[in-house]
All heavy atoms as atom14 arrays in JSON, in Angstrom:
{
  "sequence": "YNLGLTYKKLNRIDEALNCFLKLHAILQNSAQVLHQIVNIYEIM",
  "atom14_mask": [
    [1, 1, 1, 1, 1, 1, 1, 1, 1, 1, 1, 1, 0, 0],
    [1, 1, 1, 1, 1, 1, 1, 1, 0, 0, 0, 0, 0, 0],
    [1, 1, 1, 1, 1, 1, 1, 1, 0, 0, 0, 0, 0, 0],
    [1, 1, 1, 1, 0, 0, 0, 0, 0, 0, 0, 0, 0, 0],
    [1, 1, 1, 1, 1, 1, 1, 1, 0, 0, 0, 0, 0, 0],
    [1, 1, 1, 1, 1, 1, 1, 0, 0, 0, 0, 0, 0, 0],
    [1, 1, 1, 1, 1, 1, 1, 1, 1, 1, 1, 1, 0, 0],
    [1, 1, 1, 1, 1, 1, 1, 1, 1, 0, 0, 0, 0, 0],
    [1, 1, 1, 1, 1, 1, 1, 1, 1, 0, 0, 0, 0, 0],
    [1, 1, 1, 1, 1, 1, 1, 1, 0, 0, 0, 0, 0, 0],
    [1, 1, 1, 1, 1, 1, 1, 1, 0, 0, 0, 0, 0, 0],
    [1, 1, 1, 1, 1, 1, 1, 1, 1, 1, 1, 0, 0, 0],
    [1, 1, 1, 1, 1, 1, 1, 1, 0, 0, 0, 0, 0, 0],
    [1, 1, 1, 1, 1, 1, 1, 1, 0, 0, 0, 0, 0, 0],
    [1, 1, 1, 1, 1, 1, 1, 1, 1, 0, 0, 0, 0, 0],
    [1, 1, 1, 1, 1, 0, 0, 0, 0, 0, 0, 0, 0, 0],
    [1, 1, 1, 1, 1, 1, 1, 1, 0, 0, 0, 0, 0, 0],
    [1, 1, 1, 1, 1, 1, 1, 1, 0, 0, 0, 0, 0, 0],
    [1, 1, 1, 1, 1, 1, 0, 0, 0, 0, 0, 0, 0, 0],
    [1, 1, 1, 1, 1, 1, 1, 1, 1, 1, 1, 0, 0, 0],
    [1, 1, 1, 1, 1, 1, 1, 1, 0, 0, 0, 0, 0, 0],
    [1, 1, 1, 1, 1, 1, 1, 1, 1, 0, 0, 0, 0, 0],
    [1, 1, 1, 1, 1, 1, 1, 1, 0, 0, 0, 0, 0, 0],
    [1, 1, 1, 1, 1, 1, 1, 1, 1, 1, 0, 0, 0, 0],
    [1, 1, 1, 1, 1, 0, 0, 0, 0, 0, 0, 0, 0, 0],
    [1, 1, 1, 1, 1, 1, 1, 1, 0, 0, 0, 0, 0, 0],
    [1, 1, 1, 1, 1, 1, 1, 1, 0, 0, 0, 0, 0, 0],
    [1, 1, 1, 1, 1, 1, 1, 1, 1, 0, 0, 0, 0, 0],
    [1, 1, 1, 1, 1, 1, 1, 1, 0, 0, 0, 0, 0, 0],
    [1, 1, 1, 1, 1, 1, 0, 0, 0, 0, 0, 0, 0, 0],
    [1, 1, 1, 1, 1, 0, 0, 0, 0, 0, 0, 0, 0, 0],
    [1, 1, 1, 1, 1, 1, 1, 1, 1, 0, 0, 0, 0, 0],
    [1, 1, 1, 1, 1, 1, 1, 0, 0, 0, 0, 0, 0, 0],
    [1, 1, 1, 1, 1, 1, 1, 1, 0, 0, 0, 0, 0, 0],
    [1, 1, 1, 1, 1, 1, 1, 1, 1, 1, 0, 0, 0, 0],
    [1, 1, 1, 1, 1, 1, 1, 1, 1, 0, 0, 0, 0, 0],
    [1, 1, 1, 1, 1, 1, 1, 1, 0, 0, 0, 0, 0, 0],
    [1, 1, 1, 1, 1, 1, 1, 0, 0, 0, 0, 0, 0, 0],
    [1, 1, 1, 1, 1, 1, 1, 1, 0, 0, 0, 0, 0, 0],
    [1, 1, 1, 1, 1, 1, 1, 1, 0, 0, 0, 0, 0, 0],
    [1, 1, 1, 1, 1, 1, 1, 1, 1, 1, 1, 1, 0, 0],
    [1, 1, 1, 1, 1, 1, 1, 1, 1, 0, 0, 0, 0, 0],
    [1, 1, 1, 1, 1, 1, 1, 1, 0, 0, 0, 0, 0, 0],
    [1, 1, 1, 1, 1, 1, 1, 1, 0, 0, 0, 0, 0, 0]
  ],
  "atom14_positions": [
    [[-42.46, -62.89, -133.35], [-43.22, -62.72, -132.07], [-43.27, -64.04, -131.29], [-42.89, -64.11, -130.09], [-44.64, -62.22, -132.31], [-45.37, -61.9, -131.11], [-45.32, -60.51, -130.59], [-46.2, -62.76, -130.44], [-46.06, -60.15, -129.47], [-46.95, -62.44, -129.27], [-46.82, -61.19, -128.8], [-47.51, -60.77, -127.66], [0.0, 0.0, 0.0], [0.0, 0.0, 0.0]],
    [[-43.58, -65.16, -131.93], [-43.73, -66.49, -131.37], [-42.49, -66.94, -130.81], [-42.29, -67.69, -129.83], [-44.5, -67.47, -132.22], [-45.88, -67.06, -132.41], [-46.38, -66.15, -131.77], [-46.6, -67.72, -133.28], [0.0, 0.0, 0.0], [0.0, 0.0, 0.0], [0.0, 0.0, 0.0], [0.0, 0.0, 0.0], [0.0, 0.0, 0.0], [0.0, 0.0, 0.0]],
    [[-41.31, -66.63, -131.58], [-39.92, -67.08, -131.22], [-39.69, -66.42, -129.86], [-39.12, -66.95, -128.94], [-38.98, -66.74, -132.23], [-37.52, -67.1, -131.98], [-37.38, -68.6, -131.81], [-36.64, -66.71, -133.19], [0.0, 0.0, 0.0], [0.0, 0.0, 0.0], [0.0, 0.0, 0.0], [0.0, 0.0, 0.0], [0.0, 0.0, 0.0], [0.0, 0.0, 0.0]],
    [[-40.07, -65.06, -129.83], [-39.77, -64.37, -128.53], [-40.47, -64.89, -127.46], [-39.92, -65.2, -126.24], [0.0, 0.0, 0.0], [0.0, 0.0, 0.0], [0.0, 0.0, 0.0], [0.0, 0.0, 0.0], [0.0, 0.0, 0.0], [0.0, 0.0, 0.0], [0.0, 0.0, 0.0], [0.0, 0.0, 0.0], [0.0, 0.0, 0.0], [0.0, 0.0, 0.0]],
    [[-41.74, -65.42, -127.56], [-42.61, -65.98, -126.59], [-41.89, -67.39, -126.15], [-41.88, -67.66, -124.94], [-43.99, -66.27, -126.97], [-44.95, -65.07, -127.23], [-46.21, -65.41, -127.65], [-45.07, -64.21, -125.99], [0.0, 0.0, 0.0], [0.0, 0.0, 0.0], [0.0, 0.0, 0.0], [0.0, 0.0, 0.0], [0.0, 0.0, 0.0], [0.0, 0.0, 0.0]],
    [[-41.41, -68.01, -127.11], [-40.76, -69.33, -126.9], [-39.48, -69.12, -126.1], [-39.34, -69.95, -125.1], [-40.43, -70.07, -128.22], [-41.62, -70.12, -129.08], [-39.85, -71.47, -127.97], [0.0, 0.0, 0.0], [0.0, 0.0, 0.0], [0.0, 0.0, 0.0], [0.0, 0.0, 0.0], [0.0, 0.0, 0.0], [0.0, 0.0, 0.0], [0.0, 0.0, 0.0]],
    [[-38.7, -68.2, -126.46], [-37.48, -67.92, -125.57], [-37.8, -67.57, -124.15], [-37.13, -67.94, -123.22], [-36.6, -66.89, -126.23], [-35.79, -67.3, -127.44], [-35.63, -66.45, -128.65], [-35.3, -68.54, -127.51], [-34.83, -66.77, -129.65], [-34.58, -69.01, -128.68], [-34.32, -68.14, -129.64], [-33.61, -68.5, -130.73], [0.0, 0.0, 0.0], [0.0, 0.0, 0.0]],
    [[-38.97, -66.83, -124.02], [-39.43, -66.52, -122.64], [-39.72, -67.73, -121.92], [-39.31, -67.99, -120.69], [-40.73, -65.61, -122.69], [-40.36, -64.08, -122.51], [-41.67, -63.31, -122.66], [-42.58, -63.36, -121.58], [-43.72, -62.49, -121.6], [0.0, 0.0, 0.0], [0.0, 0.0, 0.0], [0.0, 0.0, 0.0], [0.0, 0.0, 0.0], [0.0, 0.0, 0.0]],
    [[-40.49, -68.74, -122.53], [-40.74, -69.88, -121.91], [-39.43, -70.78, -121.5], [-39.51, -71.44, -120.56], [-41.64, -70.87, -122.86], [-43.05, -70.48, -122.79], [-43.81, -70.96, -121.57], [-45.31, -70.87, -121.76], [-46.04, -71.17, -120.58], [0.0, 0.0, 0.0], [0.0, 0.0, 0.0], [0.0, 0.0, 0.0], [0.0, 0.0, 0.0], [0.0, 0.0, 0.0]],
    [[-38.53, -70.66, -122.41], [-37.19, -71.35, -122.15], [-36.31, -70.62, -121.2], [-35.22, -71.1, -120.95], [-36.5, -71.59, -123.49], [-37.18, -72.58, -124.5], [-36.52, -72.44, -125.86], [-37.08, -74.0, -124.02], [0.0, 0.0, 0.0], [0.0, 0.0, 0.0], [0.0, 0.0, 0.0], [0.0, 0.0, 0.0], [0.0, 0.0, 0.0], [0.0, 0.0, 0.0]],
    [[-36.86, -69.47, -120.77], [-35.97, -68.64, -119.79], [-34.8, -68.06, -120.41], [-33.72, -67.9, -119.71], [-35.75, -69.33, -118.48], [-35.56, -68.33, -117.28], [-36.17, -67.4, -117.34], [-34.82, -68.77, -116.32], [0.0, 0.0, 0.0], [0.0, 0.0, 0.0], [0.0, 0.0, 0.0], [0.0, 0.0, 0.0], [0.0, 0.0, 0.0], [0.0, 0.0, 0.0]],
    [[-34.77, -67.92, -121.73], [-33.61, -67.28, -122.5], [-34.03, -65.85, -122.71], [-34.46, -65.41, -123.79], [-33.4, -67.98, -123.79], [-32.78, -69.44, -123.47], [-32.93, -70.4, -124.55], [-32.3, -70.12, -125.85], [-32.29, -70.93, -126.89], [-32.91, -72.21, -126.82], [-31.72, -70.62, -128.04], [0.0, 0.0, 0.0], [0.0, 0.0, 0.0], [0.0, 0.0, 0.0]],
    [[-33.92, -65.11, -121.61], [-34.54, -63.78, -121.51], [-33.88, -62.78, -122.48], [-34.55, -62.04, -123.17], [-34.55, -63.13, -120.1], [-35.28, -64.09, -119.11], [-35.11, -61.75, -119.93], [-36.83, -64.35, -119.59], [0.0, 0.0, 0.0], [0.0, 0.0, 0.0], [0.0, 0.0, 0.0], [0.0, 0.0, 0.0], [0.0, 0.0, 0.0], [0.0, 0.0, 0.0]],
    [[-32.53, -62.89, -122.64], [-31.88, -61.91, -123.51], [-32.25, -62.09, -125.05], [-32.49, -61.14, -125.69], [-30.39, -61.97, -123.34], [-29.81, -61.51, -122.04], [-30.55, -60.58, -121.43], [-28.79, -61.86, -121.63], [0.0, 0.0, 0.0], [0.0, 0.0, 0.0], [0.0, 0.0, 0.0], [0.0, 0.0, 0.0], [0.0, 0.0, 0.0], [0.0, 0.0, 0.0]],
    [[-32.46, -63.41, -125.35], [-32.77, -63.74, -126.65], [-34.19, -63.23, -127.07], [-34.52, -62.79, -128.13], [-32.63, -65.13, -127.05], [-31.19, -65.62, -127.05], [-30.96, -67.1, -127.14], [-30.95, -67.71, -125.93], [-30.81, -67.66, -128.2], [0.0, 0.0, 0.0], [0.0, 0.0, 0.0], [0.0, 0.0, 0.0], [0.0, 0.0, 0.0], [0.0, 0.0, 0.0]],
    [[-35.12, -63.47, -125.97], [-36.48, -62.97, -126.11], [-36.53, -61.44, -126.31], [-37.21, -61.01, -127.15], [-37.36, -63.46, -124.87], [0.0, 0.0, 0.0], [0.0, 0.0, 0.0], [0.0, 0.0, 0.0], [0.0, 0.0, 0.0], [0.0, 0.0, 0.0], [0.0, 0.0, 0.0], [0.0, 0.0, 0.0], [0.0, 0.0, 0.0], [0.0, 0.0, 0.0]],
    [[-35.76, -60.78, -125.48], [-35.73, -59.36, -125.6], [-35.24, -58.89, -126.97], [-35.87, -58.0, -127.62], [-34.86, -58.73, -124.53], [-34.75, -57.18, -124.48], [-36.13, -56.58, -124.23], [-33.82, -56.75, -123.4], [0.0, 0.0, 0.0], [0.0, 0.0, 0.0], [0.0, 0.0, 0.0], [0.0, 0.0, 0.0], [0.0, 0.0, 0.0], [0.0, 0.0, 0.0]],
    [[-34.25, -59.54, -127.48], [-33.74, -59.24, -128.83], [-34.82, -59.44, -129.91], [-35.04, -58.57, -130.82], [-32.55, -60.13, -129.08], [-31.85, -59.79, -130.43], [-31.82, -58.58, -130.75], [-31.23, -60.75, -131.01], [0.0, 0.0, 0.0], [0.0, 0.0, 0.0], [0.0, 0.0, 0.0], [0.0, 0.0, 0.0], [0.0, 0.0, 0.0], [0.0, 0.0, 0.0]],
    [[-35.6, -60.55, -129.79], [-36.77, -60.73, -130.76], [-37.77, -59.51, -130.63], [-38.18, -59.01, -131.75], [-37.46, -62.01, -130.49], [-36.58, -63.48, -130.89], [0.0, 0.0, 0.0], [0.0, 0.0, 0.0], [0.0, 0.0, 0.0], [0.0, 0.0, 0.0], [0.0, 0.0, 0.0], [0.0, 0.0, 0.0], [0.0, 0.0, 0.0], [0.0, 0.0, 0.0]],
    [[-38.19, -59.22, -129.49], [-39.12, -58.18, -129.4], [-38.64, -56.75, -129.77], [-39.38, -55.96, -130.3], [-39.77, -58.21, -127.96], [-40.55, -59.42, -127.71], [-40.31, -60.27, -126.69], [-41.72, -59.7, -128.53], [-41.02, -61.44, -126.5], [-42.4, -60.83, -128.34], [-42.13, -61.7, -127.25], [0.0, 0.0, 0.0], [0.0, 0.0, 0.0], [0.0, 0.0, 0.0]],
    [[-37.4, -56.54, -129.49], [-36.78, -55.23, -129.95], [-36.75, -55.16, -131.49], [-36.97, -54.16, -132.01], [-35.41, -55.02, -129.38], [-35.38, -54.82, -127.85], [-33.96, -54.71, -127.33], [-36.13, -53.43, -127.48], [0.0, 0.0, 0.0], [0.0, 0.0, 0.0], [0.0, 0.0, 0.0], [0.0, 0.0, 0.0], [0.0, 0.0, 0.0], [0.0, 0.0, 0.0]],
    [[-36.38, -56.27, -132.14], [-36.42, -56.34, -133.6], [-37.76, -56.15, -134.16], [-37.95, -55.42, -135.08], [-35.97, -57.79, -134.12], [-34.41, -57.85, -134.15], [-34.09, -59.27, -134.76], [-32.68, -59.7, -134.53], [-32.43, -61.06, -134.82], [0.0, 0.0, 0.0], [0.0, 0.0, 0.0], [0.0, 0.0, 0.0], [0.0, 0.0, 0.0], [0.0, 0.0, 0.0]],
    [[-38.83, -56.71, -133.44], [-40.2, -56.59, -133.83], [-40.67, -55.12, -133.66], [-41.43, -54.56, -134.55], [-41.08, -57.52, -132.99], [-41.69, -58.76, -133.55], [-42.46, -59.49, -132.56], [-42.37, -58.46, -134.78], [0.0, 0.0, 0.0], [0.0, 0.0, 0.0], [0.0, 0.0, 0.0], [0.0, 0.0, 0.0], [0.0, 0.0, 0.0], [0.0, 0.0, 0.0]],
    [[-40.22, -54.52, -132.59], [-40.55, -53.15, -132.29], [-40.0, -52.21, -133.44], [-40.73, -51.25, -133.84], [-40.05, -52.67, -131.02], [-40.26, -51.22, -130.74], [-41.55, -50.67, -130.54], [-39.46, -50.19, -130.55], [-41.49, -49.39, -130.31], [-40.22, -49.01, -130.31], [0.0, 0.0, 0.0], [0.0, 0.0, 0.0], [0.0, 0.0, 0.0], [0.0, 0.0, 0.0]],
    [[-38.84, -52.58, -133.95], [-38.38, -51.75, -135.1], [-39.23, -51.84, -136.33], [-39.37, -50.94, -137.18], [-36.93, -52.25, -135.41], [0.0, 0.0, 0.0], [0.0, 0.0, 0.0], [0.0, 0.0, 0.0], [0.0, 0.0, 0.0], [0.0, 0.0, 0.0], [0.0, 0.0, 0.0], [0.0, 0.0, 0.0], [0.0, 0.0, 0.0], [0.0, 0.0, 0.0]],
    [[-39.91, -53.01, -136.5], [-40.79, -53.23, -137.69], [-42.24, -52.7, -137.29], [-42.77, -52.01, -138.13], [-40.88, -54.82, -137.97], [-39.54, -55.32, -138.28], [-41.92, -55.08, -139.11], [-39.49, -56.85, -138.34], [0.0, 0.0, 0.0], [0.0, 0.0, 0.0], [0.0, 0.0, 0.0], [0.0, 0.0, 0.0], [0.0, 0.0, 0.0], [0.0, 0.0, 0.0]],
    [[-42.76, -53.08, -136.08], [-44.1, -52.71, -135.74], [-44.05, -51.62, -134.64], [-44.26, -52.06, -133.39], [-44.97, -53.8, -135.34], [-44.96, -55.08, -136.26], [-45.53, -56.33, -135.61], [-45.73, -54.64, -137.52], [0.0, 0.0, 0.0], [0.0, 0.0, 0.0], [0.0, 0.0, 0.0], [0.0, 0.0, 0.0], [0.0, 0.0, 0.0], [0.0, 0.0, 0.0]],
    [[-43.74, -50.41, -134.9], [-43.46, -49.5, -133.72], [-44.63, -49.09, -132.81], [-44.4, -48.86, -131.72], [-42.89, -48.21, -134.41], [-41.56, -48.44, -134.98], [-40.98, -47.12, -135.54], [-41.51, -46.1, -135.48], [-39.66, -47.16, -135.83], [0.0, 0.0, 0.0], [0.0, 0.0, 0.0], [0.0, 0.0, 0.0], [0.0, 0.0, 0.0], [0.0, 0.0, 0.0]],
    [[-45.84, -49.24, -133.31], [-47.01, -48.88, -132.47], [-47.76, -50.17, -132.0], [-49.01, -50.06, -131.8], [-47.91, -47.95, -133.15], [-47.27, -46.54, -133.27], [-46.47, -46.14, -132.38], [-47.5, -45.88, -134.43], [0.0, 0.0, 0.0], [0.0, 0.0, 0.0], [0.0, 0.0, 0.0], [0.0, 0.0, 0.0], [0.0, 0.0, 0.0], [0.0, 0.0, 0.0]],
    [[-47.16, -51.34, -131.95], [-47.81, -52.53, -131.54], [-47.91, -52.54, -130.06], [-46.79, -52.79, -129.36], [-47.15, -53.74, -132.1], [-47.61, -54.93, -131.5], [0.0, 0.0, 0.0], [0.0, 0.0, 0.0], [0.0, 0.0, 0.0], [0.0, 0.0, 0.0], [0.0, 0.0, 0.0], [0.0, 0.0, 0.0], [0.0, 0.0, 0.0], [0.0, 0.0, 0.0]],
    [[-49.03, -52.48, -129.48], [-49.24, -52.62, -128.06], [-48.68, -53.85, -127.5], [-48.12, -54.0, -126.46], [-50.67, -52.27, -127.66], [0.0, 0.0, 0.0], [0.0, 0.0, 0.0], [0.0, 0.0, 0.0], [0.0, 0.0, 0.0], [0.0, 0.0, 0.0], [0.0, 0.0, 0.0], [0.0, 0.0, 0.0], [0.0, 0.0, 0.0], [0.0, 0.0, 0.0]],
    [[-48.99, -54.98, -128.23], [-48.52, -56.31, -127.86], [-47.04, -56.43, -127.68], [-46.6, -56.97, -126.7], [-49.12, -57.37, -128.79], [-50.57, -57.56, -128.72], [-51.02, -58.39, -129.94], [-50.75, -58.05, -131.07], [-51.66, -59.51, -129.73], [0.0, 0.0, 0.0], [0.0, 0.0, 0.0], [0.0, 0.0, 0.0], [0.0, 0.0, 0.0], [0.0, 0.0, 0.0]],
    [[-46.37, -55.88, -128.71], [-44.91, -55.99, -128.59], [-44.37, -55.04, -127.5], [-43.42, -55.52, -126.78], [-44.35, -55.53, -130.02], [-42.81, -55.39, -129.94], [-44.72, -56.42, -131.15], [0.0, 0.0, 0.0], [0.0, 0.0, 0.0], [0.0, 0.0, 0.0], [0.0, 0.0, 0.0], [0.0, 0.0, 0.0], [0.0, 0.0, 0.0], [0.0, 0.0, 0.0]],
    [[-44.83, -53.87, -127.35], [-44.45, -53.0, -126.24], [-44.68, -53.76, -124.87], [-43.81, -53.64, -124.01], [-45.17, -51.66, -126.34], [-44.7, -50.7, -127.49], [-45.63, -49.64, -127.58], [-43.25, -50.27, -127.14], [0.0, 0.0, 0.0], [0.0, 0.0, 0.0], [0.0, 0.0, 0.0], [0.0, 0.0, 0.0], [0.0, 0.0, 0.0], [0.0, 0.0, 0.0]],
    [[-45.84, -54.31, -124.75], [-46.15, -55.06, -123.5], [-45.11, -56.12, -123.23], [-44.77, -56.33, -122.07], [-47.6, -55.59, -123.52], [-48.04, -56.16, -122.25], [-47.82, -57.45, -121.87], [-48.76, -55.59, -121.25], [-48.38, -57.68, -120.68], [-48.87, -56.6, -120.26], [0.0, 0.0, 0.0], [0.0, 0.0, 0.0], [0.0, 0.0, 0.0], [0.0, 0.0, 0.0]],
    [[-44.79, -56.97, -124.28], [-43.87, -58.0, -124.09], [-42.45, -57.46, -123.59], [-41.75, -58.04, -122.71], [-43.62, -58.81, -125.36], [-44.84, -59.68, -125.7], [-45.14, -60.69, -124.66], [-44.35, -61.16, -123.85], [-46.38, -61.14, -124.7], [0.0, 0.0, 0.0], [0.0, 0.0, 0.0], [0.0, 0.0, 0.0], [0.0, 0.0, 0.0], [0.0, 0.0, 0.0]],
    [[-42.01, -56.31, -124.24], [-40.79, -55.64, -123.85], [-40.87, -55.24, -122.32], [-39.92, -55.5, -121.58], [-40.42, -54.51, -124.73], [-40.13, -55.06, -126.14], [-39.27, -53.73, -124.25], [-40.01, -53.91, -127.18], [0.0, 0.0, 0.0], [0.0, 0.0, 0.0], [0.0, 0.0, 0.0], [0.0, 0.0, 0.0], [0.0, 0.0, 0.0], [0.0, 0.0, 0.0]],
    [[-41.93, -54.59, -121.92], [-42.13, -54.25, -120.55], [-41.96, -55.44, -119.64], [-41.34, -55.35, -118.64], [-43.5, -53.56, -120.29], [-43.84, -53.34, -118.84], [-43.57, -52.2, -121.0], [0.0, 0.0, 0.0], [0.0, 0.0, 0.0], [0.0, 0.0, 0.0], [0.0, 0.0, 0.0], [0.0, 0.0, 0.0], [0.0, 0.0, 0.0], [0.0, 0.0, 0.0]],
    [[-42.73, -56.57, -120.01], [-42.73, -57.72, -119.14], [-41.42, -58.33, -119.08], [-40.94, -58.77, -117.94], [-43.71, -58.72, -119.85], [-43.82, -59.93, -118.97], [-43.46, -61.08, -119.32], [-44.46, -59.84, -117.83], [0.0, 0.0, 0.0], [0.0, 0.0, 0.0], [0.0, 0.0, 0.0], [0.0, 0.0, 0.0], [0.0, 0.0, 0.0], [0.0, 0.0, 0.0]],
    [[-40.48, -58.28, -120.18], [-39.15, -58.79, -120.09], [-38.27, -57.93, -119.09], [-37.6, -58.5, -118.31], [-38.48, -58.93, -121.46], [-39.18, -60.15, -122.2], [-37.07, -59.08, -121.35], [-38.81, -60.24, -123.58], [0.0, 0.0, 0.0], [0.0, 0.0, 0.0], [0.0, 0.0, 0.0], [0.0, 0.0, 0.0], [0.0, 0.0, 0.0], [0.0, 0.0, 0.0]],
    [[-38.42, -56.62, -119.14], [-37.65, -55.82, -118.28], [-38.09, -56.0, -116.84], [-37.36, -55.88, -115.96], [-37.77, -54.35, -118.71], [-36.72, -54.04, -119.85], [-37.24, -53.5, -120.99], [-35.47, -54.15, -119.63], [-36.31, -53.24, -122.06], [-34.51, -53.93, -120.64], [-34.99, -53.37, -121.79], [-34.05, -53.17, -122.79], [0.0, 0.0, 0.0], [0.0, 0.0, 0.0]],
    [[-39.44, -56.36, -116.62], [-39.91, -56.63, -115.27], [-39.24, -57.88, -114.71], [-38.87, -57.96, -113.59], [-41.37, -56.72, -115.21], [-42.08, -55.42, -115.25], [-43.62, -55.62, -115.18], [-44.19, -56.24, -116.05], [-44.25, -55.04, -114.23], [0.0, 0.0, 0.0], [0.0, 0.0, 0.0], [0.0, 0.0, 0.0], [0.0, 0.0, 0.0], [0.0, 0.0, 0.0]],
    [[-39.12, -58.97, -115.57], [-38.49, -60.17, -115.25], [-37.03, -60.0, -114.88], [-36.55, -60.6, -114.0], [-38.65, -61.27, -116.43], [-40.14, -61.74, -116.57], [-37.72, -62.4, -116.24], [-40.3, -62.45, -117.88], [0.0, 0.0, 0.0], [0.0, 0.0, 0.0], [0.0, 0.0, 0.0], [0.0, 0.0, 0.0], [0.0, 0.0, 0.0], [0.0, 0.0, 0.0]],
    [[-36.4, -58.98, -115.67], [-34.98, -58.7, -115.39], [-34.89, -57.75, -114.17], [-33.74, -57.45, -113.83], [-34.41, -58.05, -116.68], [-34.3, -58.88, -117.94], [-33.97, -57.92, -119.41], [-32.3, -58.27, -119.59], [0.0, 0.0, 0.0], [0.0, 0.0, 0.0], [0.0, 0.0, 0.0], [0.0, 0.0, 0.0], [0.0, 0.0, 0.0], [0.0, 0.0, 0.0]]
  ]
}
C-alpha cells in the first residue's frame, strides 16, 4: 500500500496503479484500496 502511495508521490502512476490492483486482489473489500484506484484513474 505504502509503495503505491510512494509511486503516486513520484508521479509513477502506472506503477502505483499496479500496486493497488495487486492489493485489491488480496483485500477485495478494502475501501481504502478501492479509493486509491479511483483516485489514480481520476489522475489519468
